[in-house]
PDB file of N, CA and C in Angstrom:
ATOM      1  N   UNK A   1       1.917 -41.152-207.318  1.00  0.00           N
ATOM      2  CA  UNK A   1       1.690 -41.308-206.541  1.00  0.00           C
ATOM      3  C   UNK A   1       1.957 -43.211-206.396  1.00  0.00           C
ATOM      4  N   UNK A   2       1.665 -43.043-204.601  1.00  0.00           N
ATOM      5  CA  UNK A   2       1.484 -44.696-204.221  1.00  0.00           C
ATOM      6  C   UNK A   2       0.358 -45.119-203.897  1.00  0.00           C
ATOM      7  N   UNK A   3       0.526 -46.766-204.672  1.00  0.00           N
ATOM      8  CA  UNK A   3      -0.883 -47.269-204.362  1.00  0.00           C
ATOM      9  C   UNK A   3       0.017 -48.472-203.096  1.00  0.00           C
ATOM     10  N   UNK A   4      -0.961 -49.009-201.769  1.00  0.00           N
ATOM     11  CA  UNK A   4      -1.463 -50.034-201.888  1.00  0.00           C
ATOM     12  C   UNK A   4      -0.837 -51.152-201.820  1.00  0.00           C
ATOM     13  N   UNK A   5       1.417 -50.951-202.272  1.00  0.00           N
ATOM     14  CA  UNK A   5       1.818 -52.049-201.735  1.00  0.00           C
ATOM     15  C   UNK A   5       2.923 -52.405-200.979  1.00  0.00           C
ATOM     16  N   UNK A   6       2.805 -53.256-199.919  1.00  0.00           N
ATOM     17  CA  UNK A   6       3.733 -53.588-199.112  1.00  0.00           C
ATOM     18  C   UNK A   6       4.733 -54.274-199.413  1.00  0.00           C
ATOM     19  N   UNK A   7       6.558 -54.498-198.798  1.00  0.00           N
ATOM     20  CA  UNK A   7       7.787 -54.953-199.264  1.00  0.00           C
ATOM     21  C   UNK A   7       7.914 -55.061-198.077  1.00  0.00           C
ATOM     22  N   UNK A   8       8.459 -56.278-197.047  1.00  0.00           N
ATOM     23  CA  UNK A   8       9.614 -56.250-196.691  1.00  0.00           C
ATOM     24  C   UNK A   8      11.117 -56.418-196.910  1.00  0.00           C
ATOM     25  N   UNK A   9      11.445 -55.881-196.115  1.00  0.00           N
ATOM     26  CA  UNK A   9      13.446 -55.307-196.551  1.00  0.00           C
ATOM     27  C   UNK A   9      14.070 -55.681-195.565  1.00  0.00           C
ATOM     28  N   UNK A  10      15.336 -55.906-195.473  1.00  0.00           N
ATOM     29  CA  UNK A  10      16.270 -55.918-194.939  1.00  0.00           C
ATOM     30  C   UNK A  10      17.043 -54.712-194.504  1.00  0.00           C
ATOM     31  N   UNK A  11      17.797 -54.511-193.542  1.00  0.00           N
ATOM     32  CA  UNK A  11      18.602 -53.339-193.883  1.00  0.00           C
ATOM     33  C   UNK A  11      20.301 -53.398-193.666  1.00  0.00           C
ATOM     34  N   UNK A  12      20.435 -53.104-193.497  1.00  0.00           N
ATOM     35  CA  UNK A  12      22.910 -53.495-192.995  1.00  0.00           C
ATOM     36  C   UNK A  12      23.267 -52.419-193.299  1.00  0.00           C
ATOM     37  N   UNK A  13      23.661 -52.163-191.942  1.00  0.00           N
ATOM     38  CA  UNK A  13      25.221 -51.134-191.831  1.00  0.00           C
ATOM     39  C   UNK A  13      26.218 -51.495-192.874  1.00  0.00           C
ATOM     40  N   UNK A  14      26.675 -50.606-193.243  1.00  0.00           N
ATOM     41  CA  UNK A  14      27.828 -51.112-194.185  1.00  0.00           C
ATOM     42  C   UNK A  14      29.054 -50.821-193.233  1.00  0.00           C
ATOM     43  N   UNK A  15      30.284 -51.834-193.472  1.00  0.00           N
ATOM     44  CA  UNK A  15      31.419 -51.939-192.975  1.00  0.00           C
ATOM     45  C   UNK A  15      32.429 -51.495-193.117  1.00  0.00           C
ATOM     46  N   UNK A  16      31.783 -50.269-194.729  1.00  0.00           N
ATOM     47  CA  UNK A  16      32.915 -49.028-194.734  1.00  0.00           C
ATOM     48  C   UNK A  16      31.893 -47.624-195.014  1.00  0.00           C
ATOM     49  N   UNK A  17      32.263 -47.568-193.785  1.00  0.00           N
ATOM     50  CA  UNK A  17      30.924 -46.434-193.738  1.00  0.00           C
ATOM     51  C   UNK A  17      31.709 -44.643-194.779  1.00  0.00           C
ATOM     52  N   UNK A  18      32.569 -45.095-195.784  1.00  0.00           N
ATOM     53  CA  UNK A  18      33.126 -43.883-195.964  1.00  0.00           C
ATOM     54  C   UNK A  18      32.500 -43.599-197.301  1.00  0.00           C
ATOM     55  N   UNK A  19      31.807 -44.258-197.025  1.00  0.00           N
ATOM     56  CA  UNK A  19      30.649 -43.642-199.132  1.00  0.00           C
ATOM     57  C   UNK A  19      29.259 -44.325-198.339  1.00  0.00           C
ATOM     58  N   UNK A  20      28.728 -45.486-198.866  1.00  0.00           N
ATOM     59  CA  UNK A  20      27.267 -46.112-197.801  1.00  0.00           C
ATOM     60  C   UNK A  20      27.302 -46.280-196.473  1.00  0.00           C
ATOM     61  N   UNK A  21      26.246 -45.607-195.921  1.00  0.00           N
ATOM     62  CA  UNK A  21      25.529 -45.336-194.169  1.00  0.00           C
ATOM     63  C   UNK A  21      25.562 -47.296-194.854  1.00  0.00           C
ATOM     64  N   UNK A  22      23.980 -47.394-195.133  1.00  0.00           N
ATOM     65  CA  UNK A  22      23.777 -49.044-195.455  1.00  0.00           C
ATOM     66  C   UNK A  22      23.308 -49.984-196.650  1.00  0.00           C
ATOM     67  N   UNK A  23      22.495 -50.701-196.772  1.00  0.00           N
ATOM     68  CA  UNK A  23      22.257 -51.622-197.578  1.00  0.00           C
ATOM     69  C   UNK A  23      21.303 -51.874-197.517  1.00  0.00           C
ATOM     70  N   UNK A  24      19.901 -51.478-198.334  1.00  0.00           N
ATOM     71  CA  UNK A  24      18.514 -52.158-198.482  1.00  0.00           C
ATOM     72  C   UNK A  24      18.084 -53.024-199.373  1.00  0.00           C
ATOM     73  N   UNK A  25      18.072 -54.679-198.363  1.00  0.00           N
ATOM     74  CA  UNK A  25      16.939 -55.634-199.256  1.00  0.00           C
ATOM     75  C   UNK A  25      16.589 -56.002-199.645  1.00  0.00           C
ATOM     76  N   UNK A  26      15.696 -55.233-200.757  1.00  0.00           N
ATOM     77  CA  UNK A  26      14.105 -55.624-200.836  1.00  0.00           C
ATOM     78  C   UNK A  26      13.605 -57.433-201.546  1.00  0.00           C
ATOM     79  N   UNK A  27      13.246 -58.319-200.077  1.00  0.00           N
ATOM     80  CA  UNK A  27      12.881 -59.935-200.196  1.00  0.00           C
ATOM     81  C   UNK A  27      12.290 -60.053-201.770  1.00  0.00           C
ATOM     82  N   UNK A  28      11.978 -61.085-201.979  1.00  0.00           N
ATOM     83  CA  UNK A  28      10.942 -62.121-202.226  1.00  0.00           C
ATOM     84  C   UNK A  28       9.298 -61.833-202.111  1.00  0.00           C
ATOM     85  N   UNK A  29       8.983 -62.057-202.573  1.00  0.00           N
ATOM     86  CA  UNK A  29       7.661 -62.235-201.619  1.00  0.00           C
ATOM     87  C   UNK A  29       7.208 -63.950-201.020  1.00  0.00           C
ATOM     88  N   UNK A  30       8.065 -64.776-202.445  1.00  0.00           N
ATOM     89  CA  UNK A  30       8.011 -65.980-201.923  1.00  0.00           C
ATOM     90  C   UNK A  30       8.632 -66.394-200.917  1.00  0.00           C
ATOM     91  N   UNK A  31      10.463 -66.187-200.836  1.00  0.00           N
ATOM     92  CA  UNK A  31      11.590 -65.794-199.711  1.00  0.00           C
ATOM     93  C   UNK A  31      10.717 -66.518-198.017  1.00  0.00           C
ATOM     94  N   UNK A  32       9.779 -65.267-198.385  1.00  0.00           N
ATOM     95  CA  UNK A  32       8.977 -66.230-196.252  1.00  0.00           C
ATOM     96  C   UNK A  32       8.566 -67.015-196.540  1.00  0.00           C
ATOM     97  N   UNK A  33       7.947 -67.249-197.573  1.00  0.00           N
ATOM     98  CA  UNK A  33       5.999 -68.247-198.284  1.00  0.00           C
ATOM     99  C   UNK A  33       8.151 -70.170-197.554  1.00  0.00           C
ATOM    100  N   UNK A  34       9.418 -69.597-198.651  1.00  0.00           N
ATOM    101  CA  UNK A  34       9.436 -71.123-198.198  1.00  0.00           C
ATOM    102  C   UNK A  34       9.976 -71.220-197.183  1.00  0.00           C
ATOM    103  N   UNK A  35       9.964 -70.969-196.100  1.00  0.00           N
ATOM    104  CA  UNK A  35      10.439 -71.678-194.793  1.00  0.00           C
ATOM    105  C   UNK A  35      12.441 -70.587-194.242  1.00  0.00           C
ATOM    106  N   UNK A  36      12.196 -69.730-195.267  1.00  0.00           N
ATOM    107  CA  UNK A  36      13.363 -69.162-194.811  1.00  0.00           C
ATOM    108  C   UNK A  36      13.131 -68.047-193.652  1.00  0.00           C
ATOM    109  N   UNK A  37      14.186 -67.814-192.155  1.00  0.00           N
ATOM    110  CA  UNK A  37      14.517 -67.942-191.371  1.00  0.00           C
ATOM    111  C   UNK A  37      14.840 -66.883-191.300  1.00  0.00           C
ATOM    112  N   UNK A  38      14.399 -65.975-190.483  1.00  0.00           N
ATOM    113  CA  UNK A  38      15.143 -64.298-190.393  1.00  0.00           C
ATOM    114  C   UNK A  38      16.256 -64.322-190.285  1.00  0.00           C
ATOM    115  N   UNK A  39      16.974 -65.046-188.926  1.00  0.00           N
ATOM    116  CA  UNK A  39      18.206 -65.296-189.049  1.00  0.00           C
ATOM    117  C   UNK A  39      18.765 -65.249-190.294  1.00  0.00           C
ATOM    118  N   UNK A  40      18.618 -66.391-191.294  1.00  0.00           N
ATOM    119  CA  UNK A  40      19.471 -66.634-192.757  1.00  0.00           C
ATOM    120  C   UNK A  40      19.079 -65.623-193.439  1.00  0.00           C
ATOM    121  N   UNK A  41      17.660 -64.742-194.038  1.00  0.00           N
ATOM    122  CA  UNK A  41      17.869 -63.849-194.368  1.00  0.00           C
ATOM    123  C   UNK A  41      18.451 -62.849-194.245  1.00  0.00           C
ATOM    124  N   UNK A  42      18.652 -62.233-192.979  1.00  0.00           N
ATOM    125  CA  UNK A  42      20.375 -61.378-191.987  1.00  0.00           C
ATOM    126  C   UNK A  42      21.358 -61.798-192.201  1.00  0.00           C
ATOM    127  N   UNK A  43      21.948 -63.150-192.224  1.00  0.00           N
ATOM    128  CA  UNK A  43      23.051 -63.992-193.189  1.00  0.00           C
ATOM    129  C   UNK A  43      23.652 -63.349-193.982  1.00  0.00           C
ATOM    130  N   UNK A  44      22.461 -63.818-195.241  1.00  0.00           N
ATOM    131  CA  UNK A  44      22.511 -64.321-196.501  1.00  0.00           C
ATOM    132  C   UNK A  44      22.461 -62.306-196.842  1.00  0.00           C
ATOM    133  N   UNK A  45      21.936 -61.179-196.483  1.00  0.00           N
ATOM    134  CA  UNK A  45      22.328 -59.998-196.832  1.00  0.00           C
ATOM    135  C   UNK A  45      23.616 -59.539-196.380  1.00  0.00           C
ATOM    136  N   UNK A  46      24.686 -60.049-195.099  1.00  0.00           N
ATOM    137  CA  UNK A  46      25.271 -59.475-194.836  1.00  0.00           C
ATOM    138  C   UNK A  46      26.899 -59.578-195.385  1.00  0.00           C
ATOM    139  N   UNK A  47      26.804 -61.455-195.651  1.00  0.00           N
ATOM    140  CA  UNK A  47      27.777 -62.612-196.732  1.00  0.00           C
ATOM    141  C   UNK A  47      27.360 -61.799-197.825  1.00  0.00           C
ATOM    142  N   UNK A  48      26.468 -60.850-198.444  1.00  0.00           N
ATOM    143  CA  UNK A  48      26.207 -59.739-200.123  1.00  0.00           C
ATOM    144  C   UNK A  48      27.174 -58.412-199.861  1.00  0.00           C
ATOM    145  N   UNK A  49      27.032 -58.191-199.152  1.00  0.00           N
ATOM    146  CA  UNK A  49      27.810 -56.550-198.521  1.00  0.00           C
ATOM    147  C   UNK A  49      29.179 -57.318-197.970  1.00  0.00           C
ATOM    148  N   UNK A  50      29.624 -58.041-197.791  1.00  0.00           N
ATOM    149  CA  UNK A  50      31.206 -59.099-197.282  1.00  0.00           C
ATOM    150  C   UNK A  50      31.763 -58.230-198.791  1.00  0.00           C
ATOM    151  N   UNK A  51      31.444 -59.188-199.543  1.00  0.00           N
ATOM    152  CA  UNK A  51      31.179 -59.778-200.582  1.00  0.00           C
ATOM    153  C   UNK A  51      31.723 -58.803-201.478  1.00  0.00           C
ATOM    154  N   UNK A  52      30.759 -57.376-201.306  1.00  0.00           N
ATOM    155  CA  UNK A  52      31.294 -56.379-202.398  1.00  0.00           C
ATOM    156  C   UNK A  52      31.643 -55.439-201.654  1.00  0.00           C
ATOM    157  N   UNK A  53      32.435 -55.375-200.445  1.00  0.00           N
ATOM    158  CA  UNK A  53      32.821 -54.819-199.760  1.00  0.00           C
ATOM    159  C   UNK A  53      34.717 -55.082-200.266  1.00  0.00           C
ATOM    160  N   UNK A  54      34.599 -56.963-200.318  1.00  0.00           N
ATOM    161  CA  UNK A  54      36.205 -56.797-200.358  1.00  0.00           C
ATOM    162  C   UNK A  54      36.422 -56.795-201.914  1.00  0.00           C
ATOM    163  N   UNK A  55      35.422 -56.704-203.295  1.00  0.00           N
ATOM    164  CA  UNK A  55      36.058 -56.404-204.604  1.00  0.00           C
ATOM    165  C   UNK A  55      36.912 -54.988-204.914  1.00  0.00           C
ATOM    166  N   UNK A  56      37.933 -55.148-205.070  1.00  0.00           N
ATOM    167  CA  UNK A  56      38.696 -53.756-205.321  1.00  0.00           C
ATOM    168  C   UNK A  56      38.468 -54.396-207.608  1.00  0.00           C
ATOM    169  N   UNK A  57      38.678 -52.820-207.436  1.00  0.00           N
ATOM    170  CA  UNK A  57      39.262 -52.334-208.927  1.00  0.00           C
ATOM    171  C   UNK A  57      39.727 -53.628-209.217  1.00  0.00           C
ATOM    172  N   UNK A  58      40.102 -53.628-211.052  1.00  0.00           N
ATOM    173  CA  UNK A  58      40.823 -54.325-211.477  1.00  0.00           C
ATOM    174  C   UNK A  58      42.403 -53.046-211.993  1.00  0.00           C
ATOM    175  N   UNK A  59      43.532 -53.745-211.006  1.00  0.00           N
ATOM    176  CA  UNK A  59      44.631 -53.216-211.446  1.00  0.00           C
ATOM    177  C   UNK A  59      45.035 -53.159-213.006  1.00  0.00           C
ATOM    178  N   UNK A  60      44.502 -53.311-214.104  1.00  0.00           N
ATOM    179  CA  UNK A  60      45.103 -53.636-215.391  1.00  0.00           C
ATOM    180  C   UNK A  60      43.959 -52.680-216.255  1.00  0.00           C
ATOM    181  N   UNK A  61      42.640 -51.942-215.426  1.00  0.00           N
ATOM    182  CA  UNK A  61      42.226 -50.615-216.294  1.00  0.00           C
ATOM    183  C   UNK A  61      43.054 -50.103-216.850  1.00  0.00           C
ATOM    184  N   UNK A  62      44.824 -49.239-215.887  1.00  0.00           N
ATOM    185  CA  UNK A  62      45.167 -47.831-215.893  1.00  0.00           C
ATOM    186  C   UNK A  62      46.595 -48.752-217.461  1.00  0.00           C
ATOM    187  N   UNK A  63      46.855 -49.751-217.270  1.00  0.00           N
ATOM    188  CA  UNK A  63      47.529 -50.556-218.336  1.00  0.00           C
ATOM    189  C   UNK A  63      46.800 -50.754-219.183  1.00  0.00           C
ATOM    190  N   UNK A  64      45.418 -51.522-219.644  1.00  0.00           N
ATOM    191  CA  UNK A  64      44.654 -51.217-220.993  1.00  0.00           C
ATOM    192  C   UNK A  64      44.946 -49.507-221.977  1.00  0.00           C
ATOM    193  N   UNK A  65      44.545 -48.590-220.423  1.00  0.00           N
ATOM    194  CA  UNK A  65      44.121 -47.488-221.203  1.00  0.00           C
ATOM    195  C   UNK A  65      45.939 -46.426-221.616  1.00  0.00           C
ATOM    196  N   UNK A  66      46.571 -47.352-221.303  1.00  0.00           N
ATOM    197  CA  UNK A  66      47.511 -46.198-221.233  1.00  0.00           C
ATOM    198  C   UNK A  66      48.522 -47.368-222.433  1.00  0.00           C
ATOM    199  N   UNK A  67      48.682 -48.948-223.155  1.00  0.00           N
ATOM    200  CA  UNK A  67      48.327 -49.013-224.071  1.00  0.00           C
ATOM    201  C   UNK A  67      47.732 -48.688-225.512  1.00  0.00           C
ATOM    202  N   UNK A  68      46.618 -48.551-225.344  1.00  0.00           N
ATOM    203  CA  UNK A  68      45.143 -48.144-226.591  1.00  0.00           C
ATOM    204  C   UNK A  68      46.030 -46.209-226.652  1.00  0.00           C
ATOM    205  N   UNK A  69      46.868 -45.880-225.204  1.00  0.00           N
ATOM    206  CA  UNK A  69      46.627 -43.928-225.760  1.00  0.00           C
ATOM    207  C   UNK A  69      48.182 -44.632-226.699  1.00  0.00           C
ATOM    208  N   UNK A  70      49.333 -45.810-225.832  1.00  0.00           N
ATOM    209  CA  UNK A  70      50.349 -46.024-227.367  1.00  0.00           C
ATOM    210  C   UNK A  70      50.362 -46.643-228.771  1.00  0.00           C
ATOM    211  N   UNK A  71      49.099 -47.009-228.693  1.00  0.00           N
ATOM    212  CA  UNK A  71      48.847 -48.223-230.202  1.00  0.00           C
ATOM    213  C   UNK A  71      48.482 -46.379-230.331  1.00  0.00           C
ATOM    214  N   UNK A  72      47.423 -45.461-230.234  1.00  0.00           N
ATOM    215  CA  UNK A  72      46.504 -44.687-230.519  1.00  0.00           C
ATOM    216  C   UNK A  72      47.999 -43.445-231.544  1.00  0.00           C
ATOM    217  N   UNK A  73      49.302 -43.641-230.593  1.00  0.00           N
ATOM    218  CA  UNK A  73      50.056 -42.674-230.872  1.00  0.00           C
ATOM    219  C   UNK A  73      50.977 -42.674-231.617  1.00  0.00           C
ATOM    220  N   UNK A  74      50.695 -43.748-231.728  1.00  0.00           N
ATOM    221  CA  UNK A  74      51.795 -44.721-233.096  1.00  0.00           C
ATOM    222  C   UNK A  74      51.365 -44.492-234.124  1.00  0.00           C
ATOM    223  N   UNK A  75      49.695 -44.863-233.602  1.00  0.00           N
ATOM    224  CA  UNK A  75      49.407 -44.943-235.676  1.00  0.00           C
ATOM    225  C   UNK A  75      49.543 -43.483-235.875  1.00  0.00           C
ATOM    226  N   UNK A  76      48.928 -42.876-235.083  1.00  0.00           N
ATOM    227  CA  UNK A  76      49.050 -41.220-235.230  1.00  0.00           C
ATOM    228  C   UNK A  76      50.291 -41.275-235.933  1.00  0.00           C
ATOM    229  N   UNK A  77      51.396 -40.637-235.577  1.00  0.00           N
ATOM    230  CA  UNK A  77      52.684 -40.855-235.937  1.00  0.00           C
ATOM    231  C   UNK A  77      53.179 -41.907-237.063  1.00  0.00           C
ATOM    232  N   UNK A  78      52.655 -42.605-237.255  1.00  0.00           N
ATOM    233  CA  UNK A  78      53.319 -43.482-238.631  1.00  0.00           C
ATOM    234  C   UNK A  78      52.476 -42.427-239.669  1.00  0.00           C
ATOM    235  N   UNK A  79      50.841 -42.428-239.839  1.00  0.00           N
ATOM    236  CA  UNK A  79      49.924 -41.075-241.136  1.00  0.00           C
ATOM    237  C   UNK A  79      50.708 -39.753-241.024  1.00  0.00           C
ATOM    238  N   UNK A  80      51.463 -39.070-239.679  1.00  0.00           N
ATOM    239  CA  UNK A  80      52.231 -38.264-240.134  1.00  0.00           C
ATOM    240  C   UNK A  80      52.835 -38.256-240.706  1.00  0.00           C
ATOM    241  N   UNK A  81      54.120 -39.294-240.439  1.00  0.00           N
ATOM    242  CA  UNK A  81      54.934 -39.166-241.308  1.00  0.00           C
ATOM    243  C   UNK A  81      55.046 -40.316-242.999  1.00  0.00           C
ATOM    244  N   UNK A  82      53.514 -40.654-243.169  1.00  0.00           N
ATOM    245  CA  UNK A  82      53.505 -41.150-244.158  1.00  0.00           C
ATOM    246  C   UNK A  82      53.169 -40.009-245.200  1.00  0.00           C
TER     247      UNK A  82
END
């Protein structure tokens, strides 16, 4: 059931269309009351999308996984030999 709640949103098209078409930002109620302009809101939303699109996964993940597997293998080998 939906009650009578109204929210203001900004929809920004994704720069990378491979996984997402658009991002939807829900504005805080006090954002408009503080005198924030539509241009400022749109600029901040686009900046947030660019920042998230620019983040890459850490290259250290596979290194940590391989290191953990090696340590586990060595511990298993020592346990079997003893």
